[in-house]
PDB file of N, CA and C in Angstrom:
ATOM      1  N   MET A   1     -11.506 -27.219  18.340  1.00  0.00           N
ATOM      2  CA  MET A   1     -12.421 -27.017  17.253  1.00  0.00           C
ATOM      3  C   MET A   1     -12.259 -25.685  16.523  1.00  0.00           C
ATOM      4  N   PRO A   2     -11.360 -24.814  16.896  1.00  0.00           N
ATOM      5  CA  PRO A   2     -11.204 -23.566  16.156  1.00  0.00           C
ATOM      6  C   PRO A   2     -10.835 -23.797  14.694  1.00  0.00           C
ATOM      7  N   ASP A   3     -10.064 -24.836  14.397  1.00  0.00           N
ATOM      8  CA  ASP A   3      -9.707 -25.117  13.006  1.00  0.00           C
ATOM      9  C   ASP A   3     -10.941 -25.457  12.189  1.00  0.00           C
ATOM     10  N   ASN A   4     -11.875 -26.162  12.802  1.00  0.00           N
ATOM     11  CA  ASN A   4     -13.100 -26.533  12.113  1.00  0.00           C
ATOM     12  C   ASN A   4     -13.925 -25.302  11.764  1.00  0.00           C
ATOM     13  N   GLU A   5     -13.934 -24.300  12.649  1.00  0.00           N
ATOM     14  CA  GLU A   5     -14.661 -23.073  12.380  1.00  0.00           C
ATOM     15  C   GLU A   5     -14.067 -22.352  11.183  1.00  0.00           C
ATOM     16  N   ALA A   6     -12.736 -22.350  11.058  1.00  0.00           N
ATOM     17  CA  ALA A   6     -12.084 -21.688   9.933  1.00  0.00           C
ATOM     18  C   ALA A   6     -12.437 -22.395   8.624  1.00  0.00           C
ATOM     19  N   ASP A   7     -12.547 -23.718   8.662  1.00  0.00           N
ATOM     20  CA  ASP A   7     -12.911 -24.472   7.469  1.00  0.00           C
ATOM     21  C   ASP A   7     -14.339 -24.153   7.025  1.00  0.00           C
ATOM     22  N   ASP A   8     -15.191 -23.801   7.986  1.00  0.00           N
ATOM     23  CA  ASP A   8     -16.580 -23.526   7.680  1.00  0.00           C
ATOM     24  C   ASP A   8     -16.823 -22.068   7.302  1.00  0.00           C
ATOM     25  N   ALA A   9     -15.800 -21.223   7.364  1.00  0.00           N
ATOM     26  CA  ALA A   9     -15.978 -19.805   7.050  1.00  0.00           C
ATOM     27  C   ALA A   9     -16.410 -19.638   5.601  1.00  0.00           C
ATOM     28  N   LEU A  10     -17.350 -18.729   5.388  1.00  0.00           N
ATOM     29  CA  LEU A  10     -17.860 -18.472   4.045  1.00  0.00           C
ATOM     30  C   LEU A  10     -17.435 -17.074   3.606  1.00  0.00           C
ATOM     31  N   LEU A  11     -17.067 -16.960   2.342  1.00  0.00           N
ATOM     32  CA  LEU A  11     -16.621 -15.700   1.775  1.00  0.00           C
ATOM     33  C   LEU A  11     -17.610 -15.207   0.732  1.00  0.00           C
ATOM     34  N   THR A  12     -17.736 -13.903   0.622  1.00  0.00           N
ATOM     35  CA  THR A  12     -18.567 -13.307  -0.417  1.00  0.00           C
ATOM     36  C   THR A  12     -17.780 -13.279  -1.721  1.00  0.00           C
ATOM     37  N   PRO A  13     -18.462 -13.099  -2.843  1.00  0.00           N
ATOM     38  CA  PRO A  13     -17.733 -12.967  -4.111  1.00  0.00           C
ATOM     39  C   PRO A  13     -16.717 -11.820  -4.084  1.00  0.00           C
ATOM     40  N   ALA A  14     -17.038 -10.727  -3.416  1.00  0.00           N
ATOM     41  CA  ALA A  14     -16.101  -9.600  -3.330  1.00  0.00           C
ATOM     42  C   ALA A  14     -14.840  -9.983  -2.557  1.00  0.00           C
ATOM     43  N   GLU A  15     -14.987 -10.756  -1.494  1.00  0.00           N
ATOM     44  CA  GLU A  15     -13.825 -11.190  -0.710  1.00  0.00           C
ATOM     45  C   GLU A  15     -12.951 -12.147  -1.520  1.00  0.00           C
ATOM     46  N   VAL A  16     -13.570 -13.047  -2.255  1.00  0.00           N
ATOM     47  CA  VAL A  16     -12.816 -13.967  -3.111  1.00  0.00           C
ATOM     48  C   VAL A  16     -12.110 -13.174  -4.203  1.00  0.00           C
ATOM     49  N   ALA A  17     -12.803 -12.204  -4.777  1.00  0.00           N
ATOM     50  CA  ALA A  17     -12.224 -11.381  -5.830  1.00  0.00           C
ATOM     51  C   ALA A  17     -10.984 -10.645  -5.339  1.00  0.00           C
ATOM     52  N   GLN A  18     -10.995 -10.171  -4.112  1.00  0.00           N
ATOM     53  CA  GLN A  18      -9.827  -9.488  -3.553  1.00  0.00           C
ATOM     54  C   GLN A  18      -8.637 -10.428  -3.456  1.00  0.00           C
ATOM     55  N   LEU A  19      -8.882 -11.667  -3.059  1.00  0.00           N
ATOM     56  CA  LEU A  19      -7.788 -12.642  -2.938  1.00  0.00           C
ATOM     57  C   LEU A  19      -7.119 -12.909  -4.278  1.00  0.00           C
ATOM     58  N   PHE A  20      -7.926 -12.961  -5.338  1.00  0.00           N
ATOM     59  CA  PHE A  20      -7.420 -13.290  -6.672  1.00  0.00           C
ATOM     60  C   PHE A  20      -7.075 -12.057  -7.499  1.00  0.00           C
ATOM     61  N   ARG A  21      -7.445 -10.891  -6.978  1.00  0.00           N
ATOM     62  CA  ARG A  21      -7.254  -9.626  -7.700  1.00  0.00           C
ATOM     63  C   ARG A  21      -7.989  -9.642  -9.044  1.00  0.00           C
ATOM     64  N   VAL A  22      -9.242 -10.046  -8.973  1.00  0.00           N
ATOM     65  CA  VAL A  22     -10.133 -10.051 -10.134  1.00  0.00           C
ATOM     66  C   VAL A  22     -11.446  -9.377  -9.711  1.00  0.00           C
ATOM     67  N   SER A  23     -12.358  -9.213 -10.646  1.00  0.00           N
ATOM     68  CA  SER A  23     -13.645  -8.610 -10.307  1.00  0.00           C
ATOM     69  C   SER A  23     -14.587  -9.672  -9.721  1.00  0.00           C
ATOM     70  N   PRO A  24     -15.564  -9.242  -8.927  1.00  0.00           N
ATOM     71  CA  PRO A  24     -16.560 -10.196  -8.411  1.00  0.00           C
ATOM     72  C   PRO A  24     -17.318 -10.916  -9.527  1.00  0.00           C
ATOM     73  N   LYS A  25     -17.489 -10.268 -10.672  1.00  0.00           N
ATOM     74  CA  LYS A  25     -18.148 -10.920 -11.810  1.00  0.00           C
ATOM     75  C   LYS A  25     -17.349 -12.134 -12.281  1.00  0.00           C
ATOM     76  N   THR A  26     -16.024 -12.032 -12.245  1.00  0.00           N
ATOM     77  CA  THR A  26     -15.172 -13.169 -12.623  1.00  0.00           C
ATOM     78  C   THR A  26     -15.395 -14.327 -11.666  1.00  0.00           C
ATOM     79  N   VAL A  27     -15.497 -14.036 -10.383  1.00  0.00           N
ATOM     80  CA  VAL A  27     -15.745 -15.075  -9.379  1.00  0.00           C
ATOM     81  C   VAL A  27     -17.091 -15.743  -9.658  1.00  0.00           C
ATOM     82  N   THR A  28     -18.081 -14.963 -10.022  1.00  0.00           N
ATOM     83  CA  THR A  28     -19.392 -15.518 -10.368  1.00  0.00           C
ATOM     84  C   THR A  28     -19.285 -16.437 -11.577  1.00  0.00           C
ATOM     85  N   ARG A  29     -18.506 -16.040 -12.578  1.00  0.00           N
ATOM     86  CA  ARG A  29     -18.317 -16.897 -13.762  1.00  0.00           C
ATOM     87  C   ARG A  29     -17.628 -18.199 -13.372  1.00  0.00           C
ATOM     88  N   TRP A  30     -16.647 -18.120 -12.483  1.00  0.00           N
ATOM     89  CA  TRP A  30     -15.979 -19.343 -12.021  1.00  0.00           C
ATOM     90  C   TRP A  30     -16.980 -20.271 -11.345  1.00  0.00           C
ATOM     91  N   ALA A  31     -17.886 -19.713 -10.570  1.00  0.00           N
ATOM     92  CA  ALA A  31     -18.900 -20.535  -9.889  1.00  0.00           C
ATOM     93  C   ALA A  31     -19.827 -21.188 -10.912  1.00  0.00           C
ATOM     94  N   ARG A  32     -20.243 -20.415 -11.898  1.00  0.00           N
ATOM     95  CA  ARG A  32     -21.131 -20.967 -12.934  1.00  0.00           C
ATOM     96  C   ARG A  32     -20.455 -22.066 -13.739  1.00  0.00           C
ATOM     97  N   SER A  33     -19.138 -21.931 -13.967  1.00  0.00           N
ATOM     98  CA  SER A  33     -18.427 -22.924 -14.776  1.00  0.00           C
ATOM     99  C   SER A  33     -17.967 -24.126 -13.950  1.00  0.00           C
ATOM    100  N   GLY A  34     -18.119 -24.065 -12.629  1.00  0.00           N
ATOM    101  CA  GLY A  34     -17.757 -25.198 -11.789  1.00  0.00           C
ATOM    102  C   GLY A  34     -16.346 -25.163 -11.238  1.00  0.00           C
ATOM    103  N   LYS A  35     -15.598 -24.099 -11.492  1.00  0.00           N
ATOM    104  CA  LYS A  35     -14.241 -24.004 -10.944  1.00  0.00           C
ATOM    105  C   LYS A  35     -14.272 -23.834  -9.433  1.00  0.00           C
ATOM    106  N   LEU A  36     -15.283 -23.166  -8.931  1.00  0.00           N
ATOM    107  CA  LEU A  36     -15.511 -23.003  -7.498  1.00  0.00           C
ATOM    108  C   LEU A  36     -16.950 -23.389  -7.208  1.00  0.00           C
ATOM    109  N   SER A  37     -17.165 -24.083  -6.109  1.00  0.00           N
ATOM    110  CA  SER A  37     -18.540 -24.387  -5.740  1.00  0.00           C
ATOM    111  C   SER A  37     -19.034 -23.302  -4.785  1.00  0.00           C
ATOM    112  N   ALA A  38     -20.285 -22.960  -4.923  1.00  0.00           N
ATOM    113  CA  ALA A  38     -20.872 -21.908  -4.110  1.00  0.00           C
ATOM    114  C   ALA A  38     -22.137 -22.406  -3.437  1.00  0.00           C
ATOM    115  N   LYS A  39     -22.360 -21.900  -2.243  1.00  0.00           N
ATOM    116  CA  LYS A  39     -23.624 -22.120  -1.561  1.00  0.00           C
ATOM    117  C   LYS A  39     -24.453 -20.874  -1.777  1.00  0.00           C
ATOM    118  N   ARG A  40     -25.746 -21.016  -1.742  1.00  0.00           N
ATOM    119  CA  ARG A  40     -26.649 -19.874  -1.886  1.00  0.00           C
ATOM    120  C   ARG A  40     -27.272 -19.542  -0.534  1.00  0.00           C
ATOM    121  N   THR A  41     -27.342 -18.266  -0.228  1.00  0.00           N
ATOM    122  CA  THR A  41     -28.029 -17.815   0.981  1.00  0.00           C
ATOM    123  C   THR A  41     -29.533 -17.848   0.706  1.00  0.00           C
ATOM    124  N   LEU A  42     -30.311 -17.611   1.725  1.00  0.00           N
ATOM    125  CA  LEU A  42     -31.765 -17.566   1.532  1.00  0.00           C
ATOM    126  C   LEU A  42     -32.149 -16.460   0.557  1.00  0.00           C
ATOM    127  N   GLY A  43     -31.350 -15.405   0.503  1.00  0.00           N
ATOM    128  CA  GLY A  43     -31.620 -14.317  -0.416  1.00  0.00           C
ATOM    129  C   GLY A  43     -31.088 -14.551  -1.817  1.00  0.00           C
ATOM    130  N   GLY A  44     -30.438 -15.700  -2.043  1.00  0.00           N
ATOM    131  CA  GLY A  44     -29.940 -16.058  -3.363  1.00  0.00           C
ATOM    132  C   GLY A  44     -28.518 -15.617  -3.660  1.00  0.00           C
ATOM    133  N   HIS A  45     -27.823 -15.104  -2.645  1.00  0.00           N
ATOM    134  CA  HIS A  45     -26.447 -14.661  -2.849  1.00  0.00           C
ATOM    135  C   HIS A  45     -25.478 -15.827  -2.710  1.00  0.00           C
ATOM    136  N   ARG A  46     -24.389 -15.783  -3.482  1.00  0.00           N
ATOM    137  CA  ARG A  46     -23.393 -16.849  -3.426  1.00  0.00           C
ATOM    138  C   ARG A  46     -22.433 -16.633  -2.256  1.00  0.00           C
ATOM    139  N   ARG A  47     -22.045 -17.739  -1.649  1.00  0.00           N
ATOM    140  CA  ARG A  47     -21.012 -17.740  -0.617  1.00  0.00           C
ATOM    141  C   ARG A  47     -20.085 -18.908  -0.915  1.00  0.00           C
ATOM    142  N   PHE A  48     -18.800 -18.704  -0.661  1.00  0.00           N
ATOM    143  CA  PHE A  48     -17.782 -19.689  -1.007  1.00  0.00           C
ATOM    144  C   PHE A  48     -17.051 -20.149   0.244  1.00  0.00           C
ATOM    145  N   LYS A  49     -16.786 -21.457   0.341  1.00  0.00           N
ATOM    146  CA  LYS A  49     -16.039 -21.992   1.477  1.00  0.00           C
ATOM    147  C   LYS A  49     -14.593 -21.496   1.404  1.00  0.00           C
ATOM    148  N   GLU A  50     -14.134 -20.917   2.499  1.00  0.00           N
ATOM    149  CA  GLU A  50     -12.797 -20.336   2.520  1.00  0.00           C
ATOM    150  C   GLU A  50     -11.718 -21.379   2.237  1.00  0.00           C
ATOM    151  N   ALA A  51     -11.857 -22.567   2.796  1.00  0.00           N
ATOM    152  CA  ALA A  51     -10.849 -23.612   2.588  1.00  0.00           C
ATOM    153  C   ALA A  51     -10.745 -23.983   1.103  1.00  0.00           C
ATOM    154  N   GLU A  52     -11.874 -24.097   0.432  1.00  0.00           N
ATOM    155  CA  GLU A  52     -11.868 -24.443  -0.992  1.00  0.00           C
ATOM    156  C   GLU A  52     -11.268 -23.310  -1.821  1.00  0.00           C
ATOM    157  N   VAL A  53     -11.596 -22.077  -1.457  1.00  0.00           N
ATOM    158  CA  VAL A  53     -11.059 -20.921  -2.177  1.00  0.00           C
ATOM    159  C   VAL A  53      -9.545 -20.871  -2.035  1.00  0.00           C
ATOM    160  N   ARG A  54      -9.051 -21.095  -0.831  1.00  0.00           N
ATOM    161  CA  ARG A  54      -7.595 -21.053  -0.602  1.00  0.00           C
ATOM    162  C   ARG A  54      -6.886 -22.177  -1.355  1.00  0.00           C
ATOM    163  N   GLU A  55      -7.523 -23.346  -1.456  1.00  0.00           N
ATOM    164  CA  GLU A  55      -6.935 -24.438  -2.237  1.00  0.00           C
ATOM    165  C   GLU A  55      -6.877 -24.067  -3.716  1.00  0.00           C
ATOM    166  N   PHE A  56      -7.955 -23.484  -4.223  1.00  0.00           N
ATOM    167  CA  PHE A  56      -7.990 -23.051  -5.623  1.00  0.00           C
ATOM    168  C   PHE A  56      -6.940 -21.977  -5.867  1.00  0.00           C
ATOM    169  N   LEU A  57      -6.780 -21.067  -4.928  1.00  0.00           N
ATOM    170  CA  LEU A  57      -5.773 -20.017  -5.046  1.00  0.00           C
ATOM    171  C   LEU A  57      -4.371 -20.609  -5.110  1.00  0.00           C
ATOM    172  N   SER A  58      -4.094 -21.602  -4.292  1.00  0.00           N
ATOM    173  CA  SER A  58      -2.758 -22.222  -4.326  1.00  0.00           C
ATOM    174  C   SER A  58      -2.523 -22.956  -5.643  1.00  0.00           C
ATOM    175  N   ARG A  59      -3.579 -23.583  -6.207  1.00  0.00           N
ATOM    176  CA  ARG A  59      -3.435 -24.238  -7.510  1.00  0.00           C
ATOM    177  C   ARG A  59      -3.154 -23.205  -8.596  1.00  0.00           C
ATOM    178  N   VAL A  60      -3.844 -22.081  -8.543  1.00  0.00           N
ATOM    179  CA  VAL A  60      -3.646 -21.016  -9.527  1.00  0.00           C
ATOM    180  C   VAL A  60      -2.217 -20.464  -9.418  1.00  0.00           C
ATOM    181  N   GLU A  61      -1.771 -20.263  -8.193  1.00  0.00           N
ATOM    182  CA  GLU A  61      -0.416 -19.736  -7.988  1.00  0.00           C
ATOM    183  C   GLU A  61       0.649 -20.702  -8.492  1.00  0.00           C
ATOM    184  N   ARG A  62       0.368 -22.004  -8.410  1.00  0.00           N
ATOM    185  CA  ARG A  62       1.310 -23.008  -8.921  1.00  0.00           C
ATOM    186  C   ARG A  62       1.204 -23.146 -10.435  1.00  0.00           C
ATOM    187  N   GLY A  63       0.135 -22.600 -11.008  1.00  0.00           N
ATOM    188  CA  GLY A  63      -0.028 -22.635 -12.450  1.00  0.00           C
ATOM    189  C   GLY A  63      -0.722 -23.878 -12.973  1.00  0.00           C
ATOM    190  N   SER A  64      -1.368 -24.659 -12.089  1.00  0.00           N
ATOM    191  CA  SER A  64      -2.003 -25.892 -12.549  1.00  0.00           C
ATOM    192  C   SER A  64      -3.473 -25.707 -12.887  1.00  0.00           C
ATOM    193  N   ALA A  65      -4.054 -24.554 -12.601  1.00  0.00           N
ATOM    194  CA  ALA A  65      -5.455 -24.302 -12.968  1.00  0.00           C
ATOM    195  C   ALA A  65      -5.464 -23.592 -14.307  1.00  0.00           C
ATOM    196  N   SER A  66      -6.406 -23.967 -15.162  1.00  0.00           N
ATOM    197  CA  SER A  66      -6.444 -23.361 -16.494  1.00  0.00           C
ATOM    198  C   SER A  66      -7.558 -22.334 -16.582  1.00  0.00           C
ATOM    199  N   ASP A  67      -7.357 -21.352 -17.423  1.00  0.00           N
ATOM    200  CA  ASP A  67      -8.359 -20.333 -17.749  1.00  0.00           C
ATOM    201  C   ASP A  67      -8.904 -19.587 -16.526  1.00  0.00           C
ATOM    202  N   THR A  68      -8.034 -19.092 -15.700  1.00  0.00           N
ATOM    203  CA  THR A  68      -8.509 -18.291 -14.575  1.00  0.00           C
ATOM    204  C   THR A  68      -8.804 -16.962 -15.086  1.00  0.00           C
TER     205      THR A  68
END
């Protein structure tokens, strides 16, 4: 089950921003536009599924995602 735990890992906007080398505000805009789905914490902060973020990153690196 360790693989399942990695799939469930949640990233902050700052962590996602580091992966893409963009600002956390850009990550927030992506969430608002639907490019990335985000969960909200009880405090209202966004968290992103690591598996989904890595898939989006691979699409961006291949050049198939538009307007990153």
